[in-house]
């Protein structure tokens, strides 16, 4: 009887492990990162990748005109061509 519960707990652990990898891939996709590669790395490394993508900052900023994500240092939005908030700032 104890072997039955040991197998069930291992199955639950596997579900949580794969579910955590799926959540990490979804977070990576929202931050414009490679979701498939993140899923594979999360399957190997486990919950650490999930914690990384939950805490990692977003890659860029959203354009107020068209809503597309562009690099933080972009002076002009590559999608619509409008000047961004970085246009007036001097980058050293």
C-alpha atoms as a PDB file:
ATOM      1  CA  UNK A   1       0.000   0.000   0.000  1.00  0.00           C
ATOM      2  CA  UNK A   2       2.883   2.367   0.731  1.00  0.00           C
ATOM      3  CA  UNK A   3       4.248   1.816  -2.784  1.00  0.00           C
ATOM      4  CA  UNK A   4       0.950   3.010  -4.256  1.00  0.00           C
ATOM      5  CA  UNK A   5       1.189   6.325  -2.395  1.00  0.00           C
ATOM      6  CA  UNK A   6       4.868   6.733  -3.254  1.00  0.00           C
ATOM      7  CA  UNK A   7       4.045   6.362  -6.955  1.00  0.00           C
ATOM      8  CA  UNK A   8       1.143   8.802  -6.673  1.00  0.00           C
ATOM      9  CA  UNK A   9       3.287  11.432  -4.948  1.00  0.00           C
ATOM     10  CA  UNK A  10       5.940  11.041  -7.626  1.00  0.00           C
ATOM     11  CA  UNK A  11       3.269  11.565 -10.282  1.00  0.00           C
ATOM     12  CA  UNK A  12       2.020  14.706  -8.520  1.00  0.00           C
ATOM     13  CA  UNK A  13       5.592  16.000  -8.342  1.00  0.00           C
ATOM     14  CA  UNK A  14       6.011  15.389 -12.080  1.00  0.00           C
ATOM     15  CA  UNK A  15       2.778  17.294 -12.800  1.00  0.00           C
ATOM     16  CA  UNK A  16       3.964  20.249 -10.719  1.00  0.00           C
ATOM     17  CA  UNK A  17       7.391  20.168 -12.391  1.00  0.00           C
ATOM     18  CA  UNK A  18       5.912  20.185 -15.918  1.00  0.00           C
ATOM     19  CA  UNK A  19       3.298  22.765 -14.895  1.00  0.00           C
ATOM     20  CA  UNK A  20       6.010  25.035 -13.525  1.00  0.00           C
ATOM     21  CA  UNK A  21       7.905  24.716 -16.796  1.00  0.00           C
ATOM     22  CA  UNK A  22       4.756  25.656 -18.705  1.00  0.00           C
ATOM     23  CA  UNK A  23       4.215  28.721 -16.502  1.00  0.00           C
ATOM     24  CA  UNK A  24       7.854  29.762 -16.990  1.00  0.00           C
ATOM     25  CA  UNK A  25       7.407  29.421 -20.769  1.00  0.00           C
ATOM     26  CA  UNK A  26       4.246  31.539 -20.640  1.00  0.00           C
ATOM     27  CA  UNK A  27       6.047  34.233 -18.631  1.00  0.00           C
ATOM     28  CA  UNK A  28       8.921  34.172 -21.120  1.00  0.00           C
ATOM     29  CA  UNK A  29       6.516  34.572 -24.030  1.00  0.00           C
ATOM     30  CA  UNK A  30       4.891  37.593 -22.365  1.00  0.00           C
ATOM     31  CA  UNK A  31       8.330  39.157 -21.982  1.00  0.00           C
ATOM     32  CA  UNK A  32       9.157  38.486 -25.660  1.00  0.00           C
ATOM     33  CA  UNK A  33      11.617  35.698 -24.931  1.00  0.00           C
ATOM     34  CA  UNK A  34      11.866  32.250 -26.532  1.00  0.00           C
ATOM     35  CA  UNK A  35       9.125  30.202 -24.874  1.00  0.00           C
ATOM     36  CA  UNK A  36      10.177  26.800 -26.249  1.00  0.00           C
ATOM     37  CA  UNK A  37      13.777  27.142 -25.094  1.00  0.00           C
ATOM     38  CA  UNK A  38      12.566  28.359 -21.703  1.00  0.00           C
ATOM     39  CA  UNK A  39      10.278  25.336 -21.380  1.00  0.00           C
ATOM     40  CA  UNK A  40      13.149  22.938 -22.121  1.00  0.00           C
ATOM     41  CA  UNK A  41      15.507  24.687 -19.696  1.00  0.00           C
ATOM     42  CA  UNK A  42      12.772  24.754 -17.043  1.00  0.00           C
ATOM     43  CA  UNK A  43      12.256  21.009 -17.440  1.00  0.00           C
ATOM     44  CA  UNK A  44      15.955  20.502 -16.786  1.00  0.00           C
ATOM     45  CA  UNK A  45      16.518  23.108 -14.051  1.00  0.00           C
ATOM     46  CA  UNK A  46      13.102  23.049 -12.433  1.00  0.00           C
ATOM     47  CA  UNK A  47      11.549  25.791 -10.334  1.00  0.00           C
ATOM     48  CA  UNK A  48      14.617  28.049 -10.461  1.00  0.00           C
ATOM     49  CA  UNK A  49      13.770  29.081 -14.030  1.00  0.00           C
ATOM     50  CA  UNK A  50      10.203  29.871 -12.980  1.00  0.00           C
ATOM     51  CA  UNK A  51      11.507  32.139 -10.224  1.00  0.00           C
ATOM     52  CA  UNK A  52      13.893  33.846 -12.655  1.00  0.00           C
ATOM     53  CA  UNK A  53      11.216  34.681 -15.221  1.00  0.00           C
ATOM     54  CA  UNK A  54       8.791  35.804 -12.548  1.00  0.00           C
ATOM     55  CA  UNK A  55      11.361  38.313 -11.262  1.00  0.00           C
ATOM     56  CA  UNK A  56      13.079  39.291 -14.541  1.00  0.00           C
ATOM     57  CA  UNK A  57      12.236  42.728 -15.935  1.00  0.00           C
ATOM     58  CA  UNK A  58      10.460  43.106 -19.256  1.00  0.00           C
ATOM     59  CA  UNK A  59      12.745  43.431 -22.300  1.00  0.00           C
ATOM     60  CA  UNK A  60      11.529  46.796 -23.541  1.00  0.00           C
ATOM     61  CA  UNK A  61       8.824  49.386 -23.251  1.00  0.00           C
ATOM     62  CA  UNK A  62       5.485  49.666 -25.003  1.00  0.00           C
ATOM     63  CA  UNK A  63       4.908  52.402 -27.571  1.00  0.00           C
ATOM     64  CA  UNK A  64       2.100  54.715 -26.404  1.00  0.00           C
ATOM     65  CA  UNK A  65       0.870  55.106 -30.003  1.00  0.00           C
ATOM     66  CA  UNK A  66       0.761  51.557 -31.402  1.00  0.00           C
ATOM     67  CA  UNK A  67       1.302  49.391 -28.283  1.00  0.00           C
ATOM     68  CA  UNK A  68       4.183  47.372 -29.759  1.00  0.00           C
ATOM     69  CA  UNK A  69       7.176  46.532 -27.564  1.00  0.00           C
ATOM     70  CA  UNK A  70      10.489  48.093 -28.546  1.00  0.00           C
ATOM     71  CA  UNK A  71      13.956  48.330 -26.980  1.00  0.00           C
ATOM     72  CA  UNK A  72      14.274  50.698 -24.046  1.00  0.00           C
ATOM     73  CA  UNK A  73      16.999  52.697 -25.783  1.00  0.00           C
ATOM     74  CA  UNK A  74      15.024  53.156 -29.027  1.00  0.00           C
ATOM     75  CA  UNK A  75      14.573  56.767 -30.103  1.00  0.00           C
ATOM     76  CA  UNK A  76      11.931  55.956 -32.734  1.00  0.00           C
ATOM     77  CA  UNK A  77       9.369  53.139 -32.598  1.00  0.00           C
ATOM     78  CA  UNK A  78      10.275  50.619 -35.334  1.00  0.00           C
ATOM     79  CA  UNK A  79       6.599  49.841 -35.911  1.00  0.00           C
ATOM     80  CA  UNK A  80       4.888  53.227 -36.253  1.00  0.00           C
ATOM     81  CA  UNK A  81       7.856  55.629 -36.491  1.00  0.00           C
ATOM     82  CA  UNK A  82       6.828  57.922 -33.618  1.00  0.00           C
ATOM     83  CA  UNK A  83       9.452  59.333 -31.287  1.00  0.00           C
ATOM     84  CA  UNK A  84       9.657  57.591 -27.943  1.00  0.00           C
ATOM     85  CA  UNK A  85      10.238  58.989 -24.482  1.00  0.00           C
ATOM     86  CA  UNK A  86      13.970  58.261 -24.911  1.00  0.00           C
ATOM     87  CA  UNK A  87      14.185  60.730 -27.839  1.00  0.00           C
ATOM     88  CA  UNK A  88      14.923  63.732 -25.642  1.00  0.00           C
ATOM     89  CA  UNK A  89      17.244  61.929 -23.212  1.00  0.00           C
ATOM     90  CA  UNK A  90      20.964  61.833 -23.748  1.00  0.00           C
ATOM     91  CA  UNK A  91      22.477  58.363 -23.511  1.00  0.00           C
ATOM     92  CA  UNK A  92      26.057  58.194 -22.182  1.00  0.00           C
END
